[in-house]
Amino acid sequence: MNQRVVDVVLAEAQAEYLANNKIPATFLAELDLLAATLTTAGDLLATLSAAIALKQIYIEEAQAQIDQQNQETQMKEIQDQITDLKNEVKMLRGK
């Protein structure tokens, strides 16, 4: 066989091989795409987790503030009752 025939046969063999098998660079690019997709999904989950945690913190802070206001209101009511009782005792002593 002469060189021309060998080149044609090699070219055909290479074309057939490439048609049936992925080029390593293409395969690596597909793996990179898959890895990037998985990383993005992981980032999404991390972001959602952080958002849920932040929302929970806001809820807890709001509840703590409500509890504090309720406690202050109760303390003021108790103080007012004590003051009223003192005044009544003074009035009873004065009679």
N, C-alpha and C. Protein backbone atom coordinates (compact mmCIF):
# COMPACT_ATOMS: atom_id res chain seq x y z
N MET A 1 0.84 -1.17 0.00
CA MET A 1 0.00 0.00 0.00
C MET A 1 0.88 1.23 0.00
N ASN A 2 0.39 2.19 -0.67
CA ASN A 2 1.17 3.42 -0.66
C ASN A 2 0.70 4.32 0.47
N GLN A 3 1.41 5.37 0.70
CA GLN A 3 1.14 6.28 1.83
C GLN A 3 -0.24 6.91 1.73
N ARG A 4 -0.67 7.21 0.54
CA ARG A 4 -1.99 7.84 0.32
C ARG A 4 -3.11 6.92 0.82
N VAL A 5 -3.04 5.66 0.52
CA VAL A 5 -4.05 4.70 0.95
C VAL A 5 -4.03 4.56 2.47
N VAL A 6 -2.84 4.51 3.04
CA VAL A 6 -2.71 4.41 4.49
C VAL A 6 -3.34 5.63 5.17
N ASP A 7 -3.10 6.81 4.63
CA ASP A 7 -3.67 8.03 5.19
C ASP A 7 -5.20 8.01 5.13
N VAL A 8 -5.74 7.54 4.01
CA VAL A 8 -7.20 7.48 3.85
C VAL A 8 -7.79 6.48 4.85
N VAL A 9 -7.16 5.32 4.99
CA VAL A 9 -7.65 4.30 5.92
C VAL A 9 -7.58 4.82 7.35
N LEU A 10 -6.49 5.47 7.71
CA LEU A 10 -6.36 6.03 9.05
C LEU A 10 -7.40 7.13 9.30
N ALA A 11 -7.64 7.96 8.31
CA ALA A 11 -8.63 9.02 8.44
C ALA A 11 -10.02 8.43 8.64
N GLU A 12 -10.34 7.38 7.87
CA GLU A 12 -11.64 6.71 8.04
C GLU A 12 -11.76 6.07 9.42
N ALA A 13 -10.71 5.42 9.86
CA ALA A 13 -10.72 4.78 11.17
C ALA A 13 -10.89 5.82 12.28
N GLN A 14 -10.20 6.94 12.13
CA GLN A 14 -10.31 8.01 13.12
C GLN A 14 -11.72 8.60 13.13
N ALA A 15 -12.30 8.82 11.96
CA ALA A 15 -13.65 9.37 11.87
C ALA A 15 -14.66 8.42 12.51
N GLU A 16 -14.50 7.13 12.24
CA GLU A 16 -15.41 6.14 12.82
C GLU A 16 -15.25 6.08 14.34
N TYR A 17 -14.01 6.12 14.79
CA TYR A 17 -13.75 6.09 16.24
C TYR A 17 -14.38 7.31 16.92
N LEU A 18 -14.18 8.49 16.33
CA LEU A 18 -14.72 9.72 16.92
C LEU A 18 -16.24 9.74 16.88
N ALA A 19 -16.83 9.12 15.86
CA ALA A 19 -18.29 9.07 15.78
C ALA A 19 -18.86 8.18 16.87
N ASN A 20 -18.14 7.14 17.23
CA ASN A 20 -18.62 6.18 18.23
C ASN A 20 -18.17 6.50 19.65
N ASN A 21 -17.13 7.28 19.79
CA ASN A 21 -16.58 7.60 21.10
C ASN A 21 -16.49 9.12 21.27
N LYS A 22 -16.67 9.53 22.50
CA LYS A 22 -16.57 10.96 22.76
C LYS A 22 -15.11 11.38 22.82
N ILE A 23 -14.88 12.57 22.37
CA ILE A 23 -13.55 13.15 22.47
C ILE A 23 -13.31 13.45 23.94
N PRO A 24 -12.13 13.15 24.46
CA PRO A 24 -11.86 13.40 25.88
C PRO A 24 -12.17 14.84 26.31
N ALA A 25 -11.86 15.80 25.46
CA ALA A 25 -12.14 17.19 25.82
C ALA A 25 -13.64 17.43 25.95
N THR A 26 -14.43 16.82 25.07
CA THR A 26 -15.89 16.95 25.14
C THR A 26 -16.42 16.29 26.41
N PHE A 27 -15.90 15.11 26.70
CA PHE A 27 -16.32 14.39 27.90
C PHE A 27 -15.98 15.20 29.15
N LEU A 28 -14.79 15.79 29.18
CA LEU A 28 -14.39 16.62 30.32
C LEU A 28 -15.28 17.85 30.44
N ALA A 29 -15.63 18.44 29.30
CA ALA A 29 -16.51 19.61 29.32
C ALA A 29 -17.89 19.23 29.86
N GLU A 30 -18.38 18.05 29.48
CA GLU A 30 -19.66 17.59 30.00
C GLU A 30 -19.58 17.34 31.51
N LEU A 31 -18.48 16.77 31.96
CA LEU A 31 -18.29 16.57 33.40
C LEU A 31 -18.22 17.91 34.14
N ASP A 32 -17.54 18.88 33.53
CA ASP A 32 -17.47 20.22 34.13
C ASP A 32 -18.87 20.83 34.26
N LEU A 33 -19.67 20.65 33.21
CA LEU A 33 -21.04 21.18 33.24
C LEU A 33 -21.86 20.50 34.34
N LEU A 34 -21.71 19.19 34.45
CA LEU A 34 -22.42 18.45 35.49
C LEU A 34 -21.98 18.93 36.88
N ALA A 35 -20.68 19.09 37.06
CA ALA A 35 -20.16 19.55 38.35
C ALA A 35 -20.67 20.96 38.67
N ALA A 36 -20.69 21.83 37.67
CA ALA A 36 -21.19 23.19 37.89
C ALA A 36 -22.67 23.17 38.25
N THR A 37 -23.43 22.29 37.60
CA THR A 37 -24.85 22.17 37.90
C THR A 37 -25.07 21.69 39.33
N LEU A 38 -24.31 20.68 39.74
CA LEU A 38 -24.43 20.17 41.11
C LEU A 38 -24.00 21.22 42.13
N THR A 39 -22.95 21.97 41.81
CA THR A 39 -22.49 23.04 42.70
C THR A 39 -23.57 24.11 42.84
N THR A 40 -24.19 24.46 41.72
CA THR A 40 -25.25 25.47 41.75
C THR A 40 -26.43 24.98 42.59
N ALA A 41 -26.78 23.71 42.44
CA ALA A 41 -27.87 23.15 43.24
C ALA A 41 -27.50 23.18 44.73
N GLY A 42 -26.25 22.87 45.03
CA GLY A 42 -25.79 22.94 46.42
C GLY A 42 -25.84 24.35 46.96
N ASP A 43 -25.45 25.31 46.13
CA ASP A 43 -25.52 26.72 46.54
C ASP A 43 -26.96 27.14 46.79
N LEU A 44 -27.87 26.67 45.94
CA LEU A 44 -29.29 26.98 46.12
C LEU A 44 -29.78 26.44 47.46
N LEU A 45 -29.44 25.20 47.76
CA LEU A 45 -29.85 24.61 49.04
C LEU A 45 -29.26 25.37 50.22
N ALA A 46 -28.00 25.77 50.11
CA ALA A 46 -27.37 26.53 51.18
C ALA A 46 -28.06 27.89 51.36
N THR A 47 -28.41 28.53 50.26
CA THR A 47 -29.10 29.82 50.32
C THR A 47 -30.47 29.67 50.96
N LEU A 48 -31.21 28.64 50.56
CA LEU A 48 -32.53 28.40 51.16
C LEU A 48 -32.41 28.11 52.65
N SER A 49 -31.41 27.34 53.02
CA SER A 49 -31.19 27.03 54.43
C SER A 49 -30.90 28.30 55.22
N ALA A 50 -30.05 29.16 54.68
CA ALA A 50 -29.72 30.42 55.35
C ALA A 50 -30.95 31.31 55.47
N ALA A 51 -31.78 31.34 54.42
CA ALA A 51 -33.00 32.16 54.46
C ALA A 51 -33.96 31.65 55.52
N ILE A 52 -34.10 30.33 55.63
CA ILE A 52 -34.98 29.75 56.64
C ILE A 52 -34.46 30.07 58.04
N ALA A 53 -33.15 29.94 58.23
CA ALA A 53 -32.56 30.25 59.54
C ALA A 53 -32.76 31.72 59.89
N LEU A 54 -32.58 32.60 58.92
CA LEU A 54 -32.76 34.03 59.17
C LEU A 54 -34.22 34.35 59.51
N LYS A 55 -35.14 33.73 58.80
CA LYS A 55 -36.56 33.94 59.09
C LYS A 55 -36.88 33.48 60.51
N GLN A 56 -36.32 32.35 60.91
CA GLN A 56 -36.54 31.85 62.27
C GLN A 56 -36.00 32.82 63.31
N ILE A 57 -34.84 33.41 63.03
CA ILE A 57 -34.26 34.40 63.95
C ILE A 57 -35.19 35.60 64.07
N TYR A 58 -35.71 36.08 62.93
CA TYR A 58 -36.64 37.22 62.96
C TYR A 58 -37.88 36.89 63.79
N ILE A 59 -38.41 35.68 63.60
CA ILE A 59 -39.60 35.27 64.35
C ILE A 59 -39.30 35.24 65.84
N GLU A 60 -38.16 34.66 66.21
CA GLU A 60 -37.79 34.58 67.63
C GLU A 60 -37.57 35.96 68.23
N GLU A 61 -36.93 36.86 67.48
CA GLU A 61 -36.71 38.22 67.98
C GLU A 61 -38.04 38.95 68.16
N ALA A 62 -38.94 38.79 67.20
CA ALA A 62 -40.25 39.44 67.31
C ALA A 62 -41.02 38.90 68.51
N GLN A 63 -40.96 37.59 68.71
CA GLN A 63 -41.65 36.98 69.85
C GLN A 63 -41.05 37.45 71.17
N ALA A 64 -39.72 37.56 71.21
CA ALA A 64 -39.06 38.05 72.42
C ALA A 64 -39.48 39.48 72.72
N GLN A 65 -39.60 40.29 71.68
CA GLN A 65 -40.02 41.68 71.87
C GLN A 65 -41.47 41.74 72.38
N ILE A 66 -42.33 40.90 71.82
CA ILE A 66 -43.72 40.85 72.28
C ILE A 66 -43.78 40.40 73.73
N ASP A 67 -43.01 39.37 74.06
CA ASP A 67 -42.97 38.88 75.44
C ASP A 67 -42.49 39.97 76.40
N GLN A 68 -41.47 40.72 75.98
CA GLN A 68 -40.94 41.80 76.81
C GLN A 68 -41.99 42.88 77.02
N GLN A 69 -42.70 43.24 75.96
CA GLN A 69 -43.75 44.25 76.09
C GLN A 69 -44.87 43.77 77.01
N ASN A 70 -45.24 42.50 76.87
CA ASN A 70 -46.28 41.94 77.75
C ASN A 70 -45.83 41.96 79.21
N GLN A 71 -44.58 41.60 79.43
CA GLN A 71 -44.06 41.59 80.80
C GLN A 71 -44.04 43.01 81.37
N GLU A 72 -43.63 43.98 80.57
CA GLU A 72 -43.61 45.36 81.04
C GLU A 72 -45.03 45.85 81.36
N THR A 73 -45.99 45.47 80.53
CA THR A 73 -47.38 45.86 80.77
C THR A 73 -47.89 45.24 82.07
N GLN A 74 -47.58 43.97 82.28
CA GLN A 74 -47.99 43.29 83.51
C GLN A 74 -47.34 43.94 84.74
N MET A 75 -46.07 44.27 84.62
CA MET A 75 -45.36 44.91 85.74
C MET A 75 -45.99 46.26 86.06
N LYS A 76 -46.35 47.03 85.03
CA LYS A 76 -46.98 48.33 85.25
C LYS A 76 -48.33 48.15 85.92
N GLU A 77 -49.10 47.17 85.47
CA GLU A 77 -50.40 46.91 86.09
C GLU A 77 -50.24 46.52 87.56
N ILE A 78 -49.27 45.69 87.85
CA ILE A 78 -49.01 45.29 89.24
C ILE A 78 -48.60 46.50 90.08
N GLN A 79 -47.72 47.33 89.51
CA GLN A 79 -47.28 48.53 90.22
C GLN A 79 -48.46 49.47 90.48
N ASP A 80 -49.35 49.61 89.48
CA ASP A 80 -50.53 50.45 89.66
C ASP A 80 -51.44 49.88 90.75
N GLN A 81 -51.59 48.56 90.78
CA GLN A 81 -52.42 47.93 91.82
C GLN A 81 -51.82 48.16 93.21
N ILE A 82 -50.50 48.04 93.30
CA ILE A 82 -49.82 48.28 94.58
C ILE A 82 -50.04 49.72 95.03
N THR A 83 -49.89 50.65 94.10
CA THR A 83 -50.10 52.06 94.41
C THR A 83 -51.53 52.30 94.88
N ASP A 84 -52.49 51.71 94.18
CA ASP A 84 -53.90 51.85 94.58
C ASP A 84 -54.14 51.28 95.98
N LEU A 85 -53.55 50.12 96.26
CA LEU A 85 -53.70 49.50 97.58
C LEU A 85 -53.08 50.37 98.67
N LYS A 86 -51.93 50.95 98.39
CA LYS A 86 -51.29 51.86 99.36
C LYS A 86 -52.21 53.04 99.66
N ASN A 87 -52.78 53.58 98.61
CA ASN A 87 -53.68 54.73 98.80
C ASN A 87 -54.91 54.34 99.62
N GLU A 88 -55.43 53.15 99.36
CA GLU A 88 -56.59 52.68 100.13
C GLU A 88 -56.22 52.48 101.60
N VAL A 89 -55.03 51.91 101.85
CA VAL A 89 -54.58 51.72 103.23
C VAL A 89 -54.43 53.07 103.93
N LYS A 90 -53.88 54.05 103.25
CA LYS A 90 -53.73 55.39 103.82
C LYS A 90 -55.09 55.99 104.15
N MET A 91 -56.04 55.79 103.22
CA MET A 91 -57.38 56.33 103.45
C MET A 91 -58.04 55.66 104.64
N LEU A 92 -57.87 54.33 104.76
CA LEU A 92 -58.46 53.60 105.89
C LEU A 92 -57.82 54.01 107.21
N ARG A 93 -56.54 54.27 107.22
CA ARG A 93 -55.85 54.70 108.44
C ARG A 93 -56.29 56.10 108.83
N GLY A 94 -56.56 56.90 107.83
CA GLY A 94 -56.95 58.28 108.10
C GLY A 94 -58.35 58.39 108.67
N LYS A 95 -59.19 57.42 108.51
CA LYS A 95 -60.57 57.49 109.00
C LYS A 95 -60.66 57.19 110.44
